Amino acid sequence: MLITERQHIESVTHHSVSARTIRRRLQQSGLSARRPLLGLPLTQNHRRLRRQWCDERRMFFVNHQIELLPWPVRSPDLSPIETMWSMVVQRLTQITPPAATPDQLWQRVEAAWFAIPQEHIQSLFESIPTRVAAVISNNGGYSGY
């Protein structure tokens, strides 16, 4: 059985407390229970810098004549690279002791990356249509990949 904050306070203090009082006290302490923070609030400068960063990357692809796939926002489960990085991280965590220098870490990352069998990489790319179908069937939400 779940107990609410109000019920908990009443059981401890043996006094009745309204939800309004709890909200007011939380707000006075700099806390808020009204709605969760869904994202970090960005200043105009943050937005400008983020846009500049994106534009620079987009121009890199244009200048090097690299064709990009249209990709839905917030859909990392469509990207095979997420699975690849997960495999690299898994291999890195099995190596002891940890890398002592940035160069040693980079060498280990490269070795782990190149150790992934080509057949596995191919199967990730072949799974893209299934991934897309799963995201569509979940209305753009988590698809399990």
Protein backbone atom coordinates (compact mmCIF):
# COMPACT_ATOMS: atom_id res chain seq x y z
CA MET A 1 0.00 0.00 0.00
CA LEU A 2 1.37 3.39 -0.99
CA ILE A 3 1.26 6.10 1.63
CA THR A 4 1.07 9.73 0.55
CA GLU A 5 3.22 12.49 2.01
CA ARG A 6 0.13 13.87 3.69
CA GLN A 7 -0.72 10.53 5.34
CA HIS A 8 2.89 10.13 6.46
CA ILE A 9 3.02 13.60 8.06
CA GLU A 10 -0.32 13.01 9.79
CA SER A 11 0.86 9.64 11.14
CA VAL A 12 4.04 11.21 12.55
CA THR A 13 2.63 14.48 13.90
CA HIS A 14 -0.88 13.22 14.78
CA HIS A 15 -2.26 16.40 13.21
CA SER A 16 -4.27 16.88 10.07
CA VAL A 17 -2.34 18.60 7.24
CA SER A 18 -3.78 19.88 3.97
CA ALA A 19 -2.19 19.35 0.58
CA ARG A 20 -2.10 23.14 0.21
CA THR A 21 -0.01 23.47 3.39
CA ILE A 22 2.42 20.83 2.14
CA ARG A 23 2.78 22.57 -1.24
CA ARG A 24 3.31 25.95 0.43
CA ARG A 25 5.96 24.58 2.82
CA LEU A 26 7.80 22.84 -0.01
CA GLN A 27 7.80 26.01 -2.09
CA GLN A 28 9.04 28.06 0.87
CA SER A 29 11.97 25.64 1.10
CA GLY A 30 12.73 26.03 -2.60
CA LEU A 31 11.17 22.70 -3.52
CA SER A 32 8.17 22.08 -5.72
CA ALA A 33 5.92 19.08 -6.00
CA ARG A 34 3.61 20.53 -8.61
CA ARG A 35 5.28 19.27 -11.76
CA PRO A 36 8.53 17.54 -12.61
CA LEU A 37 11.31 19.24 -14.52
CA LEU A 38 11.16 17.74 -18.02
CA GLY A 39 14.31 19.39 -19.29
CA LEU A 40 16.96 21.84 -18.31
CA PRO A 41 15.89 25.41 -18.86
CA LEU A 42 18.15 26.89 -21.51
CA THR A 43 19.15 30.52 -21.72
CA GLN A 44 19.23 32.34 -25.04
CA ASN A 45 23.01 31.90 -25.02
CA HIS A 46 22.66 28.12 -24.51
CA ARG A 47 20.22 27.94 -27.42
CA ARG A 48 22.52 30.00 -29.64
CA LEU A 49 25.54 27.82 -28.80
CA ARG A 50 23.58 24.60 -29.33
CA ARG A 51 22.34 25.84 -32.71
CA GLN A 52 25.88 26.89 -33.68
CA TRP A 53 27.24 23.47 -32.68
CA CYS A 54 24.58 21.71 -34.79
CA ASP A 55 25.19 23.98 -37.77
CA GLU A 56 28.93 23.27 -37.65
CA ARG A 57 28.33 19.51 -37.69
CA ARG A 58 25.78 19.78 -40.47
CA MET A 59 28.25 21.79 -42.57
CA PHE A 60 30.93 19.15 -42.00
CA PHE A 61 28.67 16.55 -43.59
CA VAL A 62 27.73 18.88 -46.44
CA ASN A 63 31.36 19.82 -47.14
CA HIS A 64 32.44 16.17 -47.16
CA GLN A 65 29.43 15.14 -49.29
CA ILE A 66 28.13 12.72 -46.66
CA GLU A 67 24.45 11.93 -47.04
CA LEU A 68 22.47 11.85 -43.79
CA LEU A 69 19.37 9.83 -43.08
CA PRO A 70 16.37 11.74 -41.79
CA TRP A 71 16.19 10.73 -38.13
CA PRO A 72 13.33 11.29 -35.70
CA VAL A 73 14.08 13.37 -32.64
CA ARG A 74 14.82 11.40 -29.47
CA SER A 75 14.99 7.97 -31.10
CA PRO A 76 18.32 6.46 -30.00
CA ASP A 77 16.77 3.00 -30.24
CA LEU A 78 16.79 3.40 -34.02
CA SER A 79 20.52 4.00 -34.10
CA PRO A 80 22.83 0.98 -34.35
CA ILE A 81 25.67 3.16 -33.03
CA GLU A 82 24.07 3.09 -29.56
CA THR A 83 24.40 -0.70 -29.51
CA MET A 84 27.95 -0.48 -30.83
CA TRP A 85 29.03 1.92 -28.08
CA SER A 86 27.34 -0.30 -25.51
CA MET A 87 29.42 -3.24 -26.73
CA VAL A 88 32.61 -1.16 -26.60
CA VAL A 89 31.85 -0.06 -23.04
CA GLN A 90 31.15 -3.64 -22.03
CA ARG A 91 34.53 -4.75 -23.39
CA LEU A 92 36.29 -1.84 -21.68
CA THR A 93 34.81 -2.68 -18.29
CA GLN A 94 36.27 -6.19 -18.54
CA ILE A 95 39.84 -4.86 -18.83
CA THR A 96 41.78 -4.41 -15.60
CA PRO A 97 43.42 -2.29 -14.46
CA PRO A 98 41.68 0.81 -15.83
CA ALA A 99 43.53 2.90 -18.40
CA ALA A 100 46.17 5.08 -16.76
CA THR A 101 46.35 7.76 -19.45
CA PRO A 102 44.01 9.23 -22.08
CA ASP A 103 46.19 7.71 -24.82
CA GLN A 104 45.92 4.27 -23.25
CA LEU A 105 42.15 4.68 -22.97
CA TRP A 106 41.90 5.69 -26.63
CA GLN A 107 43.98 2.66 -27.67
CA ARG A 108 41.66 0.40 -25.69
CA VAL A 109 38.55 2.02 -27.21
CA GLU A 110 39.94 1.49 -30.72
CA ALA A 111 40.88 -2.12 -29.95
CA ALA A 112 37.41 -2.83 -28.52
CA TRP A 113 35.75 -1.17 -31.52
CA PHE A 114 37.75 -3.16 -34.07
CA ALA A 115 37.18 -6.40 -32.13
CA ILE A 116 33.44 -6.30 -32.84
CA PRO A 117 32.78 -8.91 -35.55
CA GLN A 118 31.70 -7.49 -38.93
CA GLU A 119 28.78 -9.95 -39.01
CA HIS A 120 27.41 -8.40 -35.83
CA ILE A 121 27.68 -4.91 -37.30
CA GLN A 122 25.89 -6.10 -40.45
CA SER A 123 23.08 -7.63 -38.38
CA LEU A 124 22.62 -4.30 -36.59
CA PHE A 125 22.13 -2.52 -39.91
CA GLU A 126 19.77 -5.22 -41.12
CA SER A 127 17.68 -4.72 -37.97
CA ILE A 128 16.91 -1.07 -38.82
CA PRO A 129 13.58 -1.80 -40.60
CA THR A 130 12.41 -3.81 -37.57
CA ARG A 131 13.53 -1.02 -35.24
CA VAL A 132 11.66 1.59 -37.28
CA ALA A 133 8.49 -0.54 -37.28
CA ALA A 134 8.72 -0.97 -33.50
CA VAL A 135 9.09 2.79 -32.94
CA ILE A 136 6.15 3.50 -35.25
CA SER A 137 3.97 0.94 -33.48
CA ASN A 138 4.83 2.63 -30.16
CA ASN A 139 3.95 6.08 -31.52
CA GLY A 140 7.57 7.21 -31.37
CA GLY A 141 8.14 5.90 -27.86
CA TYR A 142 10.54 3.32 -26.46
CA SER A 143 10.70 0.28 -28.68
CA GLY A 144 12.74 -2.13 -26.60
CA TYR A 145 15.94 -1.86 -28.63
